[in-house]
Amino acid sequence: MIVRFIDWLKQWPRTVRVLSLVAAAAIVIWSLAAVDTHHAHTWVEQHIPGFWAIFGFLAASVLIFIAGWLGKCGIQTREDYYDR
C-alpha cells in the first residue's frame, strides 16, 4: 500500500507541493490564532507570529537539503557496486 502511495506522490508533484504549502499556511494561521504569547519565554516567540512553525519548516528543509547533498557526495552508490 505504501508503494502505491509513493508512486502517486511521484506522479503528482505539483499537487503534493500545493498541499504541503496549504498545510504549512494552515499551521502558521493556527499558531497565530491559538497560541498565547503572553507567557512566551523568548523575544522571538513573543514578537514573530508563527515563529516555531516557520522555524520547523526551515529546519526540515535544511535537513532535507543536507541529506541530499551527502547522498550525492558519495553515500549513495550504484546498485551493482558489490557485483564486480
C-alpha atoms as a PDB file:
ATOM      1  CA  MET A   1       0.000   0.000   0.000  1.00  0.00           C
ATOM      2  CA  ILE A   2       2.807   2.425   0.852  1.00  0.00           C
ATOM      3  CA  VAL A   3       4.445   1.753  -2.511  1.00  0.00           C
ATOM      4  CA  ARG A   4       1.280   2.790  -4.316  1.00  0.00           C
ATOM      5  CA  PHE A   5       1.102   5.938  -2.212  1.00  0.00           C
ATOM      6  CA  ILE A   6       4.706   6.836  -3.018  1.00  0.00           C
ATOM      7  CA  ASP A   7       4.071   6.185  -6.715  1.00  0.00           C
ATOM      8  CA  TRP A   8       1.059   8.510  -6.536  1.00  0.00           C
ATOM      9  CA  LEU A   9       3.190  11.197  -4.903  1.00  0.00           C
ATOM     10  CA  LYS A  10       5.738  10.861  -7.709  1.00  0.00           C
ATOM     11  CA  GLN A  11       3.023  11.174 -10.364  1.00  0.00           C
ATOM     12  CA  TRP A  12       1.551  14.366  -8.885  1.00  0.00           C
ATOM     13  CA  PRO A  13       4.456  16.550  -7.673  1.00  0.00           C
ATOM     14  CA  ARG A  14       2.560  19.801  -8.185  1.00  0.00           C
ATOM     15  CA  THR A  15      -0.384  18.580  -6.113  1.00  0.00           C
ATOM     16  CA  VAL A  16       1.986  17.444  -3.369  1.00  0.00           C
ATOM     17  CA  ARG A  17       3.712  20.837  -3.377  1.00  0.00           C
ATOM     18  CA  VAL A  18       0.412  22.729  -3.199  1.00  0.00           C
ATOM     19  CA  LEU A  19      -0.922  20.518  -0.391  1.00  0.00           C
ATOM     20  CA  SER A  20       2.334  20.966   1.543  1.00  0.00           C
ATOM     21  CA  LEU A  21       2.149  24.739   1.221  1.00  0.00           C
ATOM     22  CA  VAL A  22      -1.513  24.751   2.258  1.00  0.00           C
ATOM     23  CA  ALA A  23      -0.671  22.633   5.310  1.00  0.00           C
ATOM     24  CA  ALA A  24       2.222  24.936   6.241  1.00  0.00           C
ATOM     25  CA  ALA A  25      -0.014  28.002   5.876  1.00  0.00           C
ATOM     26  CA  ALA A  26      -2.713  26.352   7.997  1.00  0.00           C
ATOM     27  CA  ILE A  27      -0.190  25.651  10.750  1.00  0.00           C
ATOM     28  CA  VAL A  28       1.028  29.253  10.719  1.00  0.00           C
ATOM     29  CA  ILE A  29      -2.557  30.574  10.773  1.00  0.00           C
ATOM     30  CA  TRP A  30      -3.434  28.200  13.611  1.00  0.00           C
ATOM     31  CA  SER A  31      -0.395  29.333  15.585  1.00  0.00           C
ATOM     32  CA  LEU A  32      -1.430  32.954  15.080  1.00  0.00           C
ATOM     33  CA  ALA A  33      -4.941  32.309  16.324  1.00  0.00           C
ATOM     34  CA  ALA A  34      -4.462  29.712  19.059  1.00  0.00           C
ATOM     35  CA  VAL A  35      -1.044  30.230  20.641  1.00  0.00           C
ATOM     36  CA  ASP A  36      -0.935  32.552  23.641  1.00  0.00           C
ATOM     37  CA  THR A  37       2.258  34.617  23.512  1.00  0.00           C
ATOM     38  CA  HIS A  38       1.649  36.324  26.847  1.00  0.00           C
ATOM     39  CA  HIS A  39       3.908  33.836  28.647  1.00  0.00           C
ATOM     40  CA  ALA A  40       6.486  33.437  25.891  1.00  0.00           C
ATOM     41  CA  HIS A  41       9.995  32.570  27.001  1.00  0.00           C
ATOM     42  CA  THR A  42      11.955  34.493  24.378  1.00  0.00           C
ATOM     43  CA  TRP A  43      11.649  37.684  22.389  1.00  0.00           C
ATOM     44  CA  VAL A  44      11.151  35.855  19.081  1.00  0.00           C
ATOM     45  CA  GLU A  45       8.262  33.815  20.456  1.00  0.00           C
ATOM     46  CA  GLN A  46       6.561  36.972  21.597  1.00  0.00           C
ATOM     47  CA  HIS A  47       7.137  39.212  18.576  1.00  0.00           C
ATOM     48  CA  ILE A  48       7.338  36.967  15.490  1.00  0.00           C
ATOM     49  CA  PRO A  49       3.960  35.396  14.702  1.00  0.00           C
ATOM     50  CA  GLY A  50       4.185  31.706  13.850  1.00  0.00           C
ATOM     51  CA  PHE A  51       7.876  31.564  14.744  1.00  0.00           C
ATOM     52  CA  TRP A  52       8.013  27.889  15.691  1.00  0.00           C
ATOM     53  CA  ALA A  53       6.026  26.828  12.625  1.00  0.00           C
ATOM     54  CA  ILE A  54       8.378  28.785  10.372  1.00  0.00           C
ATOM     55  CA  PHE A  55      11.438  27.557  12.280  1.00  0.00           C
ATOM     56  CA  GLY A  56      10.312  23.927  11.978  1.00  0.00           C
ATOM     57  CA  PHE A  57       9.690  24.276   8.248  1.00  0.00           C
ATOM     58  CA  LEU A  58      13.091  25.860   7.647  1.00  0.00           C
ATOM     59  CA  ALA A  59      14.873  23.305   9.828  1.00  0.00           C
ATOM     60  CA  ALA A  60      13.239  20.409   7.964  1.00  0.00           C
ATOM     61  CA  SER A  61      14.136  21.997   4.625  1.00  0.00           C
ATOM     62  CA  VAL A  62      17.777  22.381   5.666  1.00  0.00           C
ATOM     63  CA  LEU A  63      17.927  18.765   6.870  1.00  0.00           C
ATOM     64  CA  ILE A  64      16.479  17.503   3.583  1.00  0.00           C
ATOM     65  CA  PHE A  65      18.971  19.590   1.609  1.00  0.00           C
ATOM     66  CA  ILE A  66      21.916  18.310   3.672  1.00  0.00           C
ATOM     67  CA  ALA A  67      20.753  14.699   3.341  1.00  0.00           C
ATOM     68  CA  GLY A  68      20.512  15.052  -0.439  1.00  0.00           C
ATOM     69  CA  TRP A  69      23.931  16.712  -0.606  1.00  0.00           C
ATOM     70  CA  LEU A  70      25.531  13.966   1.498  1.00  0.00           C
ATOM     71  CA  GLY A  71      23.918  11.350  -0.720  1.00  0.00           C
ATOM     72  CA  LYS A  72      25.353  12.911  -3.838  1.00  0.00           C
ATOM     73  CA  CYS A  73      28.790  13.306  -2.222  1.00  0.00           C
ATOM     74  CA  GLY A  74      29.293   9.568  -2.002  1.00  0.00           C
ATOM     75  CA  ILE A  75      26.959   7.902   0.451  1.00  0.00           C
ATOM     76  CA  GLN A  76      24.752   6.641  -2.369  1.00  0.00           C
ATOM     77  CA  THR A  77      26.342   4.293  -4.838  1.00  0.00           C
ATOM     78  CA  ARG A  78      25.229   2.387  -7.867  1.00  0.00           C
ATOM     79  CA  GLU A  79      23.168  -0.744  -7.354  1.00  0.00           C
ATOM     80  CA  ASP A  80      25.764  -3.131  -8.816  1.00  0.00           C
ATOM     81  CA  TYR A  81      28.550  -1.932  -6.504  1.00  0.00           C
ATOM     82  CA  TYR A  82      29.097  -5.416  -4.968  1.00  0.00           C
ATOM     83  CA  ASP A  83      28.609  -7.312  -8.239  1.00  0.00           C
ATOM     84  CA  ARG A  84      32.065  -6.617  -9.608  1.00  0.00           C
END
